[in-house]
Amino acid sequence: MAKENTNPGQEKRSSGRDKKYAQKQDSGKGAVNFSFAVPAKIEEIMGRTGTRGEAIQVRCRVLDGRDKNKVLRRNVRGPVQLGDTLMLRETEIEARQLTRSGRGSG
């Protein structure tokens, strides 16, 4: 048998875990929460970077937000091409410039 609350003025205290569960219930099934991001268009592909060449360094122009029309150098993971739109979570930090040292630079 479940024990009922005998004192009507006293409410049951809930743990932090219960609050998180309640928040998940409120958001609904399949709800997606996106973080704030700013669109930027790729204008130039500068080359590959990373120890195995897994990242591509690109030059992109910010299309919206506080730094609109600012040109940034960013490292991108995965296939990209000219004209693609990147969604940047921040527009203040810029990638280091590629150096022409290492294998195959001649």
C-alpha atoms as a PDB file:
ATOM      1  CA  MET A   1       0.000   0.000   0.000  1.00  0.00           C
ATOM      2  CA  ALA A   2       1.192   3.495  -0.819  1.00  0.00           C
ATOM      3  CA  LYS A   3       1.573   5.855   2.095  1.00  0.00           C
ATOM      4  CA  GLU A   4      -0.353   9.071   1.605  1.00  0.00           C
ATOM      5  CA  ASN A   5       0.794  12.497   2.770  1.00  0.00           C
ATOM      6  CA  THR A   6      -1.076  13.083   6.051  1.00  0.00           C
ATOM      7  CA  ASN A   7      -0.089  16.752   6.381  1.00  0.00           C
ATOM      8  CA  PRO A   8      -1.733  18.756   3.544  1.00  0.00           C
ATOM      9  CA  GLY A   9       0.500  21.816   4.110  1.00  0.00           C
ATOM     10  CA  GLN A  10       3.699  19.862   3.599  1.00  0.00           C
ATOM     11  CA  GLU A  11       4.660  19.138   0.002  1.00  0.00           C
ATOM     12  CA  LYS A  12       6.851  16.314  -1.164  1.00  0.00           C
ATOM     13  CA  ARG A  13      10.408  17.380  -1.949  1.00  0.00           C
ATOM     14  CA  SER A  14      11.697  16.281  -5.313  1.00  0.00           C
ATOM     15  CA  SER A  15      15.271  15.437  -6.116  1.00  0.00           C
ATOM     16  CA  GLY A  16      17.259  16.991  -8.974  1.00  0.00           C
ATOM     17  CA  ARG A  17      16.794  13.759 -10.892  1.00  0.00           C
ATOM     18  CA  ASP A  18      13.011  14.140 -10.766  1.00  0.00           C
ATOM     19  CA  LYS A  19      13.290  17.701 -12.085  1.00  0.00           C
ATOM     20  CA  LYS A  20      15.369  16.567 -15.056  1.00  0.00           C
ATOM     21  CA  TYR A  21      12.853  13.839 -15.784  1.00  0.00           C
ATOM     22  CA  ALA A  22      10.018  16.380 -15.620  1.00  0.00           C
ATOM     23  CA  GLN A  23      11.844  18.677 -18.062  1.00  0.00           C
ATOM     24  CA  LYS A  24      12.250  15.805 -20.512  1.00  0.00           C
ATOM     25  CA  GLN A  25       8.546  15.037 -20.225  1.00  0.00           C
ATOM     26  CA  ASP A  26       7.605  18.677 -20.921  1.00  0.00           C
ATOM     27  CA  SER A  27       9.721  18.890 -24.064  1.00  0.00           C
ATOM     28  CA  GLY A  28       7.676  16.169 -25.736  1.00  0.00           C
ATOM     29  CA  LYS A  29       8.731  13.111 -27.642  1.00  0.00           C
ATOM     30  CA  GLY A  30      11.211  13.803 -30.424  1.00  0.00           C
ATOM     31  CA  ALA A  31      11.725  17.483 -29.562  1.00  0.00           C
ATOM     32  CA  VAL A  32      15.061  18.883 -30.700  1.00  0.00           C
ATOM     33  CA  ASN A  33      16.816  21.833 -29.056  1.00  0.00           C
ATOM     34  CA  PHE A  34      19.313  23.575 -31.327  1.00  0.00           C
ATOM     35  CA  SER A  35      22.076  25.819 -30.031  1.00  0.00           C
ATOM     36  CA  PHE A  36      22.460  29.337 -31.422  1.00  0.00           C
ATOM     37  CA  ALA A  37      24.496  29.387 -34.644  1.00  0.00           C
ATOM     38  CA  VAL A  38      25.431  31.933 -37.314  1.00  0.00           C
ATOM     39  CA  PRO A  39      25.488  31.045 -41.039  1.00  0.00           C
ATOM     40  CA  ALA A  40      28.709  31.510 -43.044  1.00  0.00           C
ATOM     41  CA  LYS A  41      29.288  30.843 -46.742  1.00  0.00           C
ATOM     42  CA  ILE A  42      32.478  29.135 -47.950  1.00  0.00           C
ATOM     43  CA  GLU A  43      34.382  31.401 -50.359  1.00  0.00           C
ATOM     44  CA  GLU A  44      37.735  29.618 -50.682  1.00  0.00           C
ATOM     45  CA  ILE A  45      39.144  26.179 -49.906  1.00  0.00           C
ATOM     46  CA  MET A  46      42.703  26.703 -48.726  1.00  0.00           C
ATOM     47  CA  GLY A  47      43.916  23.135 -48.174  1.00  0.00           C
ATOM     48  CA  ARG A  48      44.006  20.140 -45.875  1.00  0.00           C
ATOM     49  CA  THR A  49      45.251  20.275 -42.313  1.00  0.00           C
ATOM     50  CA  GLY A  50      45.604  17.970 -39.325  1.00  0.00           C
ATOM     51  CA  THR A  51      48.152  15.247 -38.761  1.00  0.00           C
ATOM     52  CA  ARG A  52      46.472  12.972 -41.312  1.00  0.00           C
ATOM     53  CA  GLY A  53      44.819  15.594 -43.494  1.00  0.00           C
ATOM     54  CA  GLU A  54      41.420  14.922 -41.955  1.00  0.00           C
ATOM     55  CA  ALA A  55      40.344  18.580 -41.779  1.00  0.00           C
ATOM     56  CA  ILE A  56      39.942  21.134 -44.560  1.00  0.00           C
ATOM     57  CA  GLN A  57      40.854  24.765 -43.990  1.00  0.00           C
ATOM     58  CA  VAL A  58      38.397  27.167 -45.617  1.00  0.00           C
ATOM     59  CA  ARG A  59      37.818  30.896 -45.808  1.00  0.00           C
ATOM     60  CA  CYS A  60      34.192  31.820 -45.142  1.00  0.00           C
ATOM     61  CA  ARG A  61      32.118  35.000 -44.937  1.00  0.00           C
ATOM     62  CA  VAL A  62      29.691  35.424 -42.023  1.00  0.00           C
ATOM     63  CA  LEU A  63      26.196  36.093 -43.383  1.00  0.00           C
ATOM     64  CA  ASP A  64      24.336  37.181 -40.268  1.00  0.00           C
ATOM     65  CA  GLY A  65      24.736  38.323 -36.688  1.00  0.00           C
ATOM     66  CA  ARG A  66      27.135  40.653 -34.939  1.00  0.00           C
ATOM     67  CA  ASP A  67      30.094  39.938 -37.254  1.00  0.00           C
ATOM     68  CA  LYS A  68      28.168  40.150 -40.543  1.00  0.00           C
ATOM     69  CA  ASN A  69      30.466  40.238 -43.651  1.00  0.00           C
ATOM     70  CA  LYS A  70      33.529  39.274 -41.576  1.00  0.00           C
ATOM     71  CA  VAL A  71      35.809  36.799 -43.369  1.00  0.00           C
ATOM     72  CA  LEU A  72      37.112  33.980 -41.167  1.00  0.00           C
ATOM     73  CA  ARG A  73      39.536  31.112 -41.634  1.00  0.00           C
ATOM     74  CA  ARG A  74      38.077  27.896 -40.187  1.00  0.00           C
ATOM     75  CA  ASN A  75      38.924  24.205 -40.066  1.00  0.00           C
ATOM     76  CA  VAL A  76      36.076  22.000 -41.263  1.00  0.00           C
ATOM     77  CA  ARG A  77      35.697  18.283 -40.818  1.00  0.00           C
ATOM     78  CA  GLY A  78      33.986  16.350 -43.607  1.00  0.00           C
ATOM     79  CA  PRO A  79      33.295  17.006 -47.282  1.00  0.00           C
ATOM     80  CA  VAL A  80      32.670  20.640 -48.272  1.00  0.00           C
ATOM     81  CA  GLN A  81      32.698  22.632 -51.487  1.00  0.00           C
ATOM     82  CA  LEU A  82      32.582  26.256 -52.574  1.00  0.00           C
ATOM     83  CA  GLY A  83      29.250  27.900 -51.819  1.00  0.00           C
ATOM     84  CA  ASP A  84      28.334  25.580 -48.928  1.00  0.00           C
ATOM     85  CA  THR A  85      26.870  27.147 -45.800  1.00  0.00           C
ATOM     86  CA  LEU A  86      28.467  26.439 -42.430  1.00  0.00           C
ATOM     87  CA  MET A  87      26.635  27.033 -39.174  1.00  0.00           C
ATOM     88  CA  LEU A  88      29.183  28.560 -36.769  1.00  0.00           C
ATOM     89  CA  ARG A  89      28.590  28.489 -33.027  1.00  0.00           C
ATOM     90  CA  GLU A  90      31.047  31.347 -32.542  1.00  0.00           C
ATOM     91  CA  THR A  91      32.630  33.918 -34.863  1.00  0.00           C
ATOM     92  CA  GLU A  92      35.487  35.284 -32.758  1.00  0.00           C
ATOM     93  CA  ILE A  93      38.133  32.562 -32.944  1.00  0.00           C
ATOM     94  CA  GLU A  94      39.973  32.022 -36.219  1.00  0.00           C
ATOM     95  CA  ALA A  95      42.049  28.991 -37.228  1.00  0.00           C
ATOM     96  CA  ARG A  96      45.824  29.278 -37.559  1.00  0.00           C
ATOM     97  CA  GLN A  97      47.142  29.876 -41.040  1.00  0.00           C
ATOM     98  CA  LEU A  98      48.351  26.809 -42.929  1.00  0.00           C
ATOM     99  CA  THR A  99      52.108  26.482 -43.249  1.00  0.00           C
ATOM    100  CA  ARG A 100      53.692  24.901 -46.297  1.00  0.00           C
ATOM    101  CA  SER A 101      55.944  22.519 -44.359  1.00  0.00           C
ATOM    102  CA  GLY A 102      55.863  18.776 -44.019  1.00  0.00           C
ATOM    103  CA  ARG A 103      55.648  15.915 -46.474  1.00  0.00           C
ATOM    104  CA  GLY A 104      55.239  16.686 -50.131  1.00  0.00           C
ATOM    105  CA  SER A 105      55.755  20.433 -49.861  1.00  0.00           C
ATOM    106  CA  GLY A 106      58.920  20.104 -51.743  1.00  0.00           C
END
